[in-house]
C-alpha atoms as a PDB file:
ATOM      1  CA  MET A   1       6.494   9.895  14.637  1.00  0.00           C
ATOM      2  CA  SER A   2       8.507  12.896  14.845  1.00  0.00           C
ATOM      3  CA  GLY A   3       5.817  14.920  16.830  1.00  0.00           C
ATOM      4  CA  LEU A   4       4.084  11.267  17.984  1.00  0.00           C
ATOM      5  CA  LYS A   5       4.028  10.963  22.075  1.00  0.00           C
ATOM      6  CA  LEU A   6       3.839   7.832  23.232  1.00  0.00           C
ATOM      7  CA  PHE A   7       2.244   6.646  27.328  1.00  0.00           C
ATOM      8  CA  ARG A   8       1.673   3.805  28.806  1.00  0.00           C
ATOM      9  CA  THR A   9      -1.224   4.184  31.649  1.00  0.00           C
ATOM     10  CA  ASN A  10      -0.772   2.383  35.408  1.00  0.00           C
ATOM     11  CA  THR A  11      -3.946   0.988  36.299  1.00  0.00           C
ATOM     12  CA  MET A  12      -2.938   0.204  39.891  1.00  0.00           C
ATOM     13  CA  ASN A  13      -2.322   3.845  40.570  1.00  0.00           C
ATOM     14  CA  SER A  14      -3.715   5.973  37.977  1.00  0.00           C
ATOM     15  CA  GLY A  15      -0.095   6.610  36.928  1.00  0.00           C
ATOM     16  CA  MET A  16       0.943   7.324  33.367  1.00  0.00           C
ATOM     17  CA  THR A  17       4.862   6.853  32.215  1.00  0.00           C
ATOM     18  CA  GLU A  18       5.970   8.493  28.810  1.00  0.00           C
ATOM     19  CA  VAL A  19       7.367   5.760  26.561  1.00  0.00           C
ATOM     20  CA  THR A  20      10.367   6.876  25.027  1.00  0.00           C
ATOM     21  CA  PRO A  21      11.032   6.777  21.177  1.00  0.00           C
ATOM     22  CA  ARG A  22      14.298   5.288  20.044  1.00  0.00           C
ATOM     23  CA  LEU A  23      16.324   4.465  17.052  1.00  0.00           C
ATOM     24  CA  ALA A  24      17.930   0.311  16.675  1.00  0.00           C
ATOM     25  CA  GLU A  25      21.033  -0.096  17.659  1.00  0.00           C
ATOM     26  CA  ALA A  26      21.288  -1.709  14.009  1.00  0.00           C
ATOM     27  CA  GLU A  27      20.521  -1.518  10.619  1.00  0.00           C
ATOM     28  CA  ALA A  28      20.112  -4.802  10.507  1.00  0.00           C
ATOM     29  CA  ASP A  29      17.872  -4.938  13.350  1.00  0.00           C
ATOM     30  CA  VAL A  30      15.436  -2.847  12.182  1.00  0.00           C
ATOM     31  CA  GLN A  31      16.036  -5.158   8.586  1.00  0.00           C
ATOM     32  CA  GLY A  32      15.362  -8.394  10.108  1.00  0.00           C
ATOM     33  CA  LEU A  33      11.917  -6.896  12.361  1.00  0.00           C
ATOM     34  CA  VAL A  34      10.257  -5.573   9.321  1.00  0.00           C
ATOM     35  CA  GLU A  35      11.012  -8.855   6.956  1.00  0.00           C
ATOM     36  CA  ALA A  36      10.332 -11.337   9.888  1.00  0.00           C
ATOM     37  CA  HIS A  37       6.711  -9.485   9.711  1.00  0.00           C
ATOM     38  CA  MET A  38       6.314  -7.516   6.199  1.00  0.00           C
ATOM     39  CA  GLU A  39       2.923  -8.438   5.035  1.00  0.00           C
ATOM     40  CA  THR A  40       1.380  -7.501   8.525  1.00  0.00           C
ATOM     41  CA  LEU A  41       3.664  -4.228   8.409  1.00  0.00           C
ATOM     42  CA  LEU A  42       3.552  -3.259   4.425  1.00  0.00           C
ATOM     43  CA  GLY A  43       1.419  -5.426   2.825  1.00  0.00           C
ATOM     44  CA  VAL A  44       4.211  -7.105   1.266  1.00  0.00           C
ATOM     45  CA  ARG A  45       4.829 -11.170   0.649  1.00  0.00           C
ATOM     46  CA  PHE A  46       8.486 -11.026   1.575  1.00  0.00           C
ATOM     47  CA  LEU A  47      11.015 -13.290  -1.246  1.00  0.00           C
ATOM     48  CA  THR A  48      14.209 -12.562  -0.110  1.00  0.00           C
ATOM     49  CA  SER A  49      17.208 -10.744   1.808  1.00  0.00           C
ATOM     50  CA  GLU A  50      20.015  -9.063   0.363  1.00  0.00           C
ATOM     51  CA  TYR A  51      19.778 -10.329  -3.086  1.00  0.00           C
ATOM     52  CA  GLY A  52      22.689  -9.953  -5.117  1.00  0.00           C
ATOM     53  CA  THR A  53      22.690  -8.038  -8.363  1.00  0.00           C
ATOM     54  CA  GLY A  54      25.495  -9.850  -9.955  1.00  0.00           C
ATOM     55  CA  PRO A  55      29.073  -9.281 -10.564  1.00  0.00           C
ATOM     56  CA  VAL A  56      28.602  -6.036 -13.428  1.00  0.00           C
ATOM     57  CA  HIS A  57      25.759  -4.225 -10.964  1.00  0.00           C
ATOM     58  CA  GLY A  58      28.101  -5.033  -7.574  1.00  0.00           C
ATOM     59  CA  GLY A  59      24.875  -4.597  -5.045  1.00  0.00           C
ATOM     60  CA  ARG A  60      22.835  -6.010  -2.714  1.00  0.00           C
ATOM     61  CA  ILE A  61      19.124  -5.685  -2.409  1.00  0.00           C
ATOM     62  CA  ASP A  62      18.039  -5.625   0.922  1.00  0.00           C
ATOM     63  CA  SER A  63      14.389  -6.976   0.658  1.00  0.00           C
ATOM     64  CA  LEU A  64      12.538  -8.021  -2.347  1.00  0.00           C
ATOM     65  CA  GLY A  65       8.788  -8.248  -2.047  1.00  0.00           C
ATOM     66  CA  LEU A  66       5.461  -8.307  -4.028  1.00  0.00           C
ATOM     67  CA  ASP A  67       2.548  -6.438  -2.955  1.00  0.00           C
ATOM     68  CA  GLU A  68      -1.357  -6.938  -3.096  1.00  0.00           C
ATOM     69  CA  ASN A  69      -1.450  -6.110  -6.487  1.00  0.00           C
ATOM     70  CA  GLY A  70       1.512  -7.868  -7.993  1.00  0.00           C
ATOM     71  CA  SER A  71       3.570  -5.103  -7.836  1.00  0.00           C
ATOM     72  CA  PRO A  72       7.540  -5.697  -7.451  1.00  0.00           C
ATOM     73  CA  VAL A  73       8.884  -4.113  -4.624  1.00  0.00           C
ATOM     74  CA  ILE A  74      12.503  -3.193  -3.336  1.00  0.00           C
ATOM     75  CA  VAL A  75      12.430  -2.227   0.193  1.00  0.00           C
ATOM     76  CA  GLU A  76      16.137  -0.494   1.765  1.00  0.00           C
ATOM     77  CA  TYR A  77      16.698  -0.099   5.079  1.00  0.00           C
ATOM     78  CA  LYS A  78      18.798   2.581   7.362  1.00  0.00           C
ATOM     79  CA  ARG A  79      19.227   3.150  11.060  1.00  0.00           C
ATOM     80  CA  GLY A  80      19.145   7.062  11.130  1.00  0.00           C
ATOM     81  CA  VAL A  81      19.330   9.872   8.699  1.00  0.00           C
ATOM     82  CA  ASP A  82      21.191   8.374   5.218  1.00  0.00           C
ATOM     83  CA  ALA A  83      21.046  10.646   2.697  1.00  0.00           C
ATOM     84  CA  GLY A  84      21.903   8.254  -0.333  1.00  0.00           C
ATOM     85  CA  VAL A  85      18.862   5.862   0.884  1.00  0.00           C
ATOM     86  CA  ILE A  86      16.840   6.771  -1.882  1.00  0.00           C
ATOM     87  CA  ASN A  87      19.619   7.044  -4.601  1.00  0.00           C
ATOM     88  CA  GLN A  88      20.428   3.584  -3.774  1.00  0.00           C
ATOM     89  CA  GLY A  89      16.813   2.792  -4.090  1.00  0.00           C
ATOM     90  CA  LEU A  90      16.586   3.938  -7.538  1.00  0.00           C
ATOM     91  CA  PHE A  91      19.931   2.498  -8.399  1.00  0.00           C
ATOM     92  CA  TYR A  92      18.311  -1.309  -7.703  1.00  0.00           C
ATOM     93  CA  LEU A  93      14.821  -0.107  -9.054  1.00  0.00           C
ATOM     94  CA  ALA A  94      16.155   0.183 -12.477  1.00  0.00           C
ATOM     95  CA  TRP A  95      18.650  -2.959 -12.290  1.00  0.00           C
ATOM     96  CA  LEU A  96      15.231  -5.027 -11.064  1.00  0.00           C
ATOM     97  CA  MET A  97      13.524  -3.441 -14.204  1.00  0.00           C
ATOM     98  CA  ASP A  98      15.977  -4.771 -16.496  1.00  0.00           C
ATOM     99  CA  HIS A  99      16.055  -8.348 -15.046  1.00  0.00           C
ATOM    100  CA  ARG A 100      12.599  -8.928 -14.904  1.00  0.00           C
ATOM    101  CA  ALA A 101      12.919 -12.568 -15.873  1.00  0.00           C
ATOM    102  CA  GLU A 102      15.019 -13.083 -13.004  1.00  0.00           C
ATOM    103  CA  PHE A 103      12.395 -11.698 -10.779  1.00  0.00           C
ATOM    104  CA  GLU A 104       9.802 -13.311 -12.187  1.00  0.00           C
ATOM    105  CA  GLN A 105      12.049 -16.405 -11.455  1.00  0.00           C
ATOM    106  CA  LEU A 106      12.712 -15.794  -7.692  1.00  0.00           C
ATOM    107  CA  VAL A 107       8.565 -15.533  -7.322  1.00  0.00           C
ATOM    108  CA  ARG A 108       7.965 -18.503  -9.040  1.00  0.00           C
ATOM    109  CA  ASP A 109       9.955 -20.347  -6.456  1.00  0.00           C
ATOM    110  CA  ARG A 110       8.558 -18.769  -3.674  1.00  0.00           C
ATOM    111  CA  LEU A 111       5.040 -17.981  -4.577  1.00  0.00           C
ATOM    112  CA  GLY A 112       4.131 -20.390  -7.117  1.00  0.00           C
ATOM    113  CA  VAL A 113       3.809 -19.724 -10.880  1.00  0.00           C
ATOM    114  CA  THR A 114       0.050 -18.282 -10.709  1.00  0.00           C
ATOM    115  CA  ALA A 115       2.118 -15.440  -8.725  1.00  0.00           C
ATOM    116  CA  ALA A 116       4.730 -15.127 -11.265  1.00  0.00           C
ATOM    117  CA  ALA A 117       2.422 -14.894 -14.232  1.00  0.00           C
ATOM    118  CA  GLN A 118       0.536 -11.810 -12.295  1.00  0.00           C
ATOM    119  CA  VAL A 119       3.544  -9.772 -11.879  1.00  0.00           C
ATOM    120  CA  LEU A 120       2.554  -5.903 -12.562  1.00  0.00           C
ATOM    121  CA  TRP A 121       5.604  -4.400 -14.151  1.00  0.00           C
ATOM    122  CA  SER A 122       4.008  -1.115 -14.501  1.00  0.00           C
ATOM    123  CA  GLY A 123       3.945  -0.228 -10.873  1.00  0.00           C
ATOM    124  CA  PRO A 124       7.792  -1.402  -9.328  1.00  0.00           C
ATOM    125  CA  ARG A 125       7.632   0.395  -6.249  1.00  0.00           C
ATOM    126  CA  LEU A 126      10.739   1.192  -3.559  1.00  0.00           C
ATOM    127  CA  ILE A 127       9.843   1.527  -0.179  1.00  0.00           C
ATOM    128  CA  CYS A 128      12.819   3.363   2.316  1.00  0.00           C
ATOM    129  CA  ILE A 129      12.151   2.686   5.968  1.00  0.00           C
ATOM    130  CA  ALA A 130      15.135   4.869   8.054  1.00  0.00           C
ATOM    131  CA  GLY A 131      15.088   7.014  11.203  1.00  0.00           C
ATOM    132  CA  ASP A 132      14.395   9.885   9.404  1.00  0.00           C
ATOM    133  CA  PHE A 133      14.133  11.793   6.261  1.00  0.00           C
ATOM    134  CA  THR A 134      15.346  15.173   5.336  1.00  0.00           C
ATOM    135  CA  ARG A 135      13.370  18.012   3.439  1.00  0.00           C
ATOM    136  CA  TYR A 136      15.173  17.444   0.950  1.00  0.00           C
ATOM    137  CA  ASP A 137      14.098  14.008   0.871  1.00  0.00           C
ATOM    138  CA  VAL A 138      10.798  14.710   0.762  1.00  0.00           C
ATOM    139  CA  HIS A 139      11.161  16.442  -2.264  1.00  0.00           C
ATOM    140  CA  ALA A 140      13.766  14.731  -4.389  1.00  0.00           C
ATOM    141  CA  VAL A 141      10.922  11.703  -4.910  1.00  0.00           C
ATOM    142  CA  ARG A 142       8.189  14.268  -5.959  1.00  0.00           C
ATOM    143  CA  GLU A 143      10.902  14.928  -8.727  1.00  0.00           C
ATOM    144  CA  HIS A 144      11.590  10.880  -9.755  1.00  0.00           C
ATOM    145  CA  ARG A 145       8.754   9.022 -12.181  1.00  0.00           C
ATOM    146  CA  ARG A 146       8.999   6.410  -9.586  1.00  0.00           C
ATOM    147  CA  SER A 147       6.357   4.874  -6.919  1.00  0.00           C
ATOM    148  CA  ILE A 148       8.413   5.902  -3.757  1.00  0.00           C
ATOM    149  CA  ASP A 149       7.619   5.345   0.166  1.00  0.00           C
ATOM    150  CA  LEU A 150       9.327   6.857   2.525  1.00  0.00           C
ATOM    151  CA  VAL A 151       8.619   5.422   6.099  1.00  0.00           C
ATOM    152  CA  ARG A 152       9.826   6.567   9.449  1.00  0.00           C
ATOM    153  CA  TYR A 153      10.399   4.067  12.215  1.00  0.00           C
ATOM    154  CA  ARG A 154      10.233   4.400  15.814  1.00  0.00           C
ATOM    155  CA  LEU A 155      10.916   1.891  18.909  1.00  0.00           C
ATOM    156  CA  PHE A 156       9.325   1.931  21.880  1.00  0.00           C
ATOM    157  CA  GLY A 157      10.490  -0.027  24.483  1.00  0.00           C
ATOM    158  CA  SER A 158      10.810  -3.138  24.344  1.00  0.00           C
ATOM    159  CA  ASP A 159       7.651  -4.605  22.008  1.00  0.00           C
ATOM    160  CA  LEU A 160       6.346  -1.840  19.844  1.00  0.00           C
ATOM    161  CA  LEU A 161       7.062  -0.183  16.663  1.00  0.00           C
ATOM    162  CA  GLY A 162       5.710   2.672  14.972  1.00  0.00           C
ATOM    163  CA  LEU A 163       5.613   3.043  11.503  1.00  0.00           C
ATOM    164  CA  GLU A 164       4.938   6.685   9.713  1.00  0.00           C
ATOM    165  CA  THR A 165       4.778   7.559   6.097  1.00  0.00           C
ATOM    166  CA  VAL A 166       6.523  10.614   5.283  1.00  0.00           C
ATOM    167  CA  ALA A 167       6.122  10.693   1.824  1.00  0.00           C
ATOM    168  CA  SER A 168       4.237   8.606  -0.954  1.00  0.00           C
ATOM    169  CA  VAL A 169       4.616   9.372  -4.410  1.00  0.00           C
ATOM    170  CA  SER A 170       2.475   7.086  -6.976  1.00  0.00           C
ATOM    171  CA  GLY A 171       4.935   7.041 -10.538  1.00  0.00           C
ATOM    172  CA  GLY A 172       3.731   5.223 -12.985  1.00  0.00           C
ATOM    173  CA  MET A 173       0.548   3.601 -11.435  1.00  0.00           C
ATOM    174  CA  GLN A 174      -1.199   6.544 -10.683  1.00  0.00           C
ATOM    175  CA  VAL A 175      -2.977   8.639 -14.438  1.00  0.00           C
ATOM    176  CA  ALA A 176      -4.940  11.307 -14.491  1.00  0.00           C
ATOM    177  CA  ARG A 177      -8.140  11.617 -13.300  1.00  0.00           C
ATOM    178  CA  ARG A 178     -10.213  12.536 -16.762  1.00  0.00           C
ATOM    179  CA  PRO A 179      -8.924   9.807 -18.802  1.00  0.00           C
ATOM    180  CA  ARG A 180      -9.226   7.120 -16.403  1.00  0.00           C
ATOM    181  CA  ARG A 181     -12.684   8.574 -15.849  1.00  0.00           C
ATOM    182  CA  GLN A 182     -13.497   8.222 -19.674  1.00  0.00           C
ATOM    183  CA  ALA A 183     -12.148   4.326 -19.229  1.00  0.00           C
ATOM    184  CA  VAL A 184     -14.266   4.129 -16.164  1.00  0.00           C
ATOM    185  CA  ALA A 185     -17.587   5.383 -18.359  1.00  0.00           C
ATOM    186  CA  ARG A 186     -16.843   3.272 -21.215  1.00  0.00           C
ATOM    187  CA  ALA A 187     -17.203   0.257 -19.489  1.00  0.00           C
ATOM    188  CA  ALA A 188     -19.930   1.663 -17.633  1.00  0.00           C
ATOM    189  CA  ALA A 189     -21.721   2.351 -20.446  1.00  0.00           C
ATOM    190  CA  GLY A 190     -21.744  -1.118 -21.448  1.00  0.00           C
ATOM    191  CA  ALA A 191     -22.393  -2.488 -18.051  1.00  0.00           C
ATOM    192  CA  GLY A 192     -25.242  -0.354 -16.871  1.00  0.00           C
ATOM    193  CA  GLY A 193     -25.766   2.924 -18.418  1.00  0.00           C
ATOM    194  CA  ALA A 194     -25.039   6.422 -17.105  1.00  0.00           C
ATOM    195  CA  SER A 195     -26.056   5.744 -13.116  1.00  0.00           C
ATOM    196  CA  MET A 196     -23.164   3.509 -13.528  1.00  0.00           C
ATOM    197  CA  VAL A 197     -20.833   6.177 -14.824  1.00  0.00           C
ATOM    198  CA  GLU A 198     -22.148   8.470 -12.434  1.00  0.00           C
ATOM    199  CA  LEU A 199     -21.080   6.198  -9.255  1.00  0.00           C
ATOM    200  CA  ALA A 200     -17.773   5.086 -10.822  1.00  0.00           C
ATOM    201  CA  ASN A 201     -16.825   8.764 -11.128  1.00  0.00           C
ATOM    202  CA  ALA A 202     -18.112   9.935  -7.650  1.00  0.00           C
ATOM    203  CA  VAL A 203     -16.216   6.867  -5.640  1.00  0.00           C
ATOM    204  CA  ASP A 204     -13.064   8.356  -7.475  1.00  0.00           C
ATOM    205  CA  GLU A 205     -13.321  11.135  -6.374  1.00  0.00           C
ATOM    206  CA  VAL A 206     -14.234   9.969  -2.655  1.00  0.00           C
ATOM    207  CA  LEU A 207     -11.345   7.922  -2.376  1.00  0.00           C
ATOM    208  CA  LEU A 208      -8.775   9.851  -4.200  1.00  0.00           C
ATOM    209  CA  GLY A 209      -9.582  12.577  -1.622  1.00  0.00           C
ATOM    210  CA  LEU A 210      -9.284  10.786   1.540  1.00  0.00           C
ATOM    211  CA  GLY A 211      -5.871  12.192   2.055  1.00  0.00           C
ATOM    212  CA  ASP A 212      -2.537  13.001   0.798  1.00  0.00           C
ATOM    213  CA  GLY A 213      -0.585   9.799  -0.773  1.00  0.00           C
ATOM    214  CA  VAL A 214      -2.853   8.146  -1.989  1.00  0.00           C
ATOM    215  CA  ASN A 215      -1.898   6.092  -5.071  1.00  0.00           C
ATOM    216  CA  ARG A 216      -4.076   4.613  -8.019  1.00  0.00           C
ATOM    217  CA  VAL A 217      -3.652   1.081  -9.495  1.00  0.00           C
ATOM    218  CA  GLU A 218      -4.793  -0.740 -12.555  1.00  0.00           C
ATOM    219  CA  ARG A 219      -5.462  -4.470 -12.450  1.00  0.00           C
ATOM    220  CA  LYS A 220      -7.440  -5.889 -14.984  1.00  0.00           C
ATOM    221  CA  THR A 221     -10.191  -7.063 -12.194  1.00  0.00           C
ATOM    222  CA  TYR A 222     -10.212  -4.203  -9.805  1.00  0.00           C
ATOM    223  CA  ARG A 223      -8.734  -0.581  -9.237  1.00  0.00           C
ATOM    224  CA  ALA A 224      -7.093  -0.870  -5.920  1.00  0.00           C
ATOM    225  CA  TYR A 225      -6.593   2.536  -3.835  1.00  0.00           C
ATOM    226  CA  GLN A 226      -3.000   2.136  -1.847  1.00  0.00           C
ATOM    227  CA  ARG A 227      -1.906   3.918   1.188  1.00  0.00           C
ATOM    228  CA  LEU A 228       1.426   2.152   1.468  1.00  0.00           C
ATOM    229  CA  ARG A 229      -1.096  -0.930   1.350  1.00  0.00           C
ATOM    230  CA  ASN A 230      -4.774  -0.782  -0.530  1.00  0.00           C
ATOM    231  CA  PHE A 231      -7.293   0.207   1.354  1.00  0.00           C
ATOM    232  CA  ALA A 232      -9.780  -0.253  -1.375  1.00  0.00           C
ATOM    233  CA  CYS A 233     -10.200  -1.860  -4.552  1.00  0.00           C
ATOM    234  CA  LEU A 234     -13.084  -0.962  -6.608  1.00  0.00           C
ATOM    235  CA  CYS A 235     -14.198  -3.660  -8.868  1.00  0.00           C
ATOM    236  CA  PRO A 236     -15.772  -2.914 -12.675  1.00  0.00           C
ATOM    237  CA  PRO A 237     -19.292  -2.065 -12.741  1.00  0.00           C
ATOM    238  CA  GLN A 238     -21.966  -4.230 -13.073  1.00  0.00           C
ATOM    239  CA  ARG A 239     -25.448  -3.846 -14.548  1.00  0.00           C
ATOM    240  CA  SER A 240     -26.905  -2.105 -11.476  1.00  0.00           C
ATOM    241  CA  LYS A 241     -24.264  -2.332  -8.631  1.00  0.00           C
ATOM    242  CA  LEU A 242     -20.541  -1.398  -8.007  1.00  0.00           C
ATOM    243  CA  LEU A 243     -18.836  -3.398  -5.370  1.00  0.00           C
ATOM    244  CA  VAL A 244     -16.129  -2.021  -3.420  1.00  0.00           C
ATOM    245  CA  TYR A 245     -13.935  -4.274  -0.844  1.00  0.00           C
ATOM    246  CA  LEU A 246     -12.326  -2.541   1.955  1.00  0.00           C
ATOM    247  CA  LYS A 247      -9.762  -3.296   5.038  1.00  0.00           C
ATOM    248  CA  VAL A 248     -12.569  -3.017   7.380  1.00  0.00           C
ATOM    249  CA  ASP A 249     -13.113  -6.214  10.262  1.00  0.00           C
ATOM    250  CA  PRO A 250     -16.471  -7.275   8.908  1.00  0.00           C
ATOM    251  CA  GLN A 251     -17.032  -7.819  13.103  1.00  0.00           C
ATOM    252  CA  ASP A 252     -16.899  -4.285  13.622  1.00  0.00           C
ATOM    253  CA  VAL A 253     -19.730  -3.208  11.187  1.00  0.00           C
ATOM    254  CA  ASP A 254     -23.291  -3.748  11.709  1.00  0.00           C
ATOM    255  CA  LEU A 255     -24.088  -5.507   8.170  1.00  0.00           C
ATOM    256  CA  VAL A 256     -26.625  -4.484   5.931  1.00  0.00           C
ATOM    257  CA  PRO A 257     -28.103  -6.918   4.034  1.00  0.00           C
ATOM    258  CA  GLY A 258     -28.181  -5.382   0.479  1.00  0.00           C
ATOM    259  CA  PHE A 259     -25.003  -2.803   1.273  1.00  0.00           C
ATOM    260  CA  THR A 260     -22.099  -4.264   3.173  1.00  0.00           C
ATOM    261  CA  ARG A 261     -21.492  -8.255   3.490  1.00  0.00           C
ATOM    262  CA  ASP A 262     -18.641  -9.972   5.215  1.00  0.00           C
ATOM    263  CA  VAL A 263     -16.391 -11.420   2.342  1.00  0.00           C
ATOM    264  CA  SER A 264     -13.906 -13.276   5.245  1.00  0.00           C
ATOM    265  CA  GLY A 265     -12.618 -16.647   3.564  1.00  0.00           C
ATOM    266  CA  LEU A 266     -14.401 -15.741   0.433  1.00  0.00           C
ATOM    267  CA  GLY A 267     -13.153 -15.914  -3.405  1.00  0.00           C
ATOM    268  CA  HIS A 268     -13.120 -12.176  -4.737  1.00  0.00           C
ATOM    269  CA  HIS A 269     -11.275  -9.526  -6.784  1.00  0.00           C
ATOM    270  CA  GLY A 270      -9.256  -7.065  -4.694  1.00  0.00           C
ATOM    271  CA  THR A 271      -8.110  -6.901  -1.150  1.00  0.00           C
ATOM    272  CA  GLY A 272     -10.634  -6.654   1.861  1.00  0.00           C
ATOM    273  CA  ASP A 273     -13.068  -8.717   4.295  1.00  0.00           C
ATOM    274  CA  LEU A 274     -15.913  -6.128   3.560  1.00  0.00           C
ATOM    275  CA  GLU A 275     -17.786  -6.010   0.446  1.00  0.00           C
ATOM    276  CA  VAL A 276     -19.886  -2.140   0.199  1.00  0.00           C
ATOM    277  CA  GLN A 277     -22.302  -2.929  -2.596  1.00  0.00           C
ATOM    278  CA  LEU A 278     -23.477   0.934  -4.297  1.00  0.00           C
ATOM    279  CA  ARG A 279     -26.698   1.346  -6.293  1.00  0.00           C
ATOM    280  CA  THR A 280     -27.045   4.877  -5.070  1.00  0.00           C
ATOM    281  CA  PRO A 281     -25.117   8.119  -5.165  1.00  0.00           C
ATOM    282  CA  ARG A 282     -26.576   7.732  -1.220  1.00  0.00           C
ATOM    283  CA  ASP A 283     -25.173   4.685  -1.112  1.00  0.00           C
ATOM    284  CA  VAL A 284     -21.525   6.553  -1.422  1.00  0.00           C
ATOM    285  CA  GLU A 285     -22.616   8.805   1.149  1.00  0.00           C
ATOM    286  CA  ARG A 286     -23.699   5.795   3.723  1.00  0.00           C
ATOM    287  CA  ALA A 287     -20.205   4.197   3.149  1.00  0.00           C
ATOM    288  CA  GLN A 288     -18.190   7.571   3.418  1.00  0.00           C
ATOM    289  CA  ASP A 289     -17.191   6.334   7.153  1.00  0.00           C
ATOM    290  CA  LEU A 290     -16.592   3.094   6.152  1.00  0.00           C
ATOM    291  CA  PHE A 291     -14.210   4.345   3.482  1.00  0.00           C
ATOM    292  CA  ARG A 292     -12.612   6.585   5.719  1.00  0.00           C
ATOM    293  CA  ALA A 293     -12.224   3.672   8.857  1.00  0.00           C
ATOM    294  CA  SER A 294     -10.200   2.066   5.851  1.00  0.00           C
ATOM    295  CA  TYR A 295      -8.067   4.698   4.545  1.00  0.00           C
ATOM    296  CA  ALA A 296      -7.391   5.360   8.553  1.00  0.00           C
ATOM    297  CA  ALA A 297      -6.471   1.503   9.449  1.00  0.00           C
ATOM    298  CA  ALA A 298      -4.010   1.972   6.133  1.00  0.00           C
END
């Protein structure tokens, strides 16, 4: 966003006017806007606002939520640049890890018993949304073993909001490639042999290599690839194919039977409305444009 310029075209006279970016009048304006549309903007289901952490801790968490994979999420907001936003968020994240039952009760009250039973405590997240961050902020998040996203915002005109991921660190969610590869290999070997092992490894390499800040989240029924929000979900290998679900609108794709399928409204593991079926390395090559489109959309 720091180098982004936005222009509005005028079809009447073929003119063009720059839309000047601006900060919000107050921090609460940013918070209210994000909380009202949190699932659309961040892929996080909103739970509550200004959550009190009790008399001993003496704080108030700006926003609490649950992401697409069931990970607890704390969102902290600052109108402009604030050197304390990361430390403040980490302070609340430590509180959250010590009050898991309290958080699960909140999820149960807001989203139901099923969601509460599926909370993923291996990957709690902190999302800091601010007018800007310093280079020291970006360096600091890389030194912490927590999942932290730094997101810069700008308002354009009266009806446009821009969000830019400045830094994204996966903390405990991401694991080393080699051990996970061996785990995938063992699973695939039991399901479909060496060819599925190689195919799963190839998909993993492609998705992780799409760009910086790709986090990998392990769940029992799928592996999510996340860039602030999920852009791909890889299911465990079947005997003769792999299934990948992408955040691509199936209506924008020329569907090919046996390769791509619209699963809008159909139950499946992971997130995404476009199912891609992979059987050979050639299929992985064919799917790369779809992978990139889903990554860009995230």
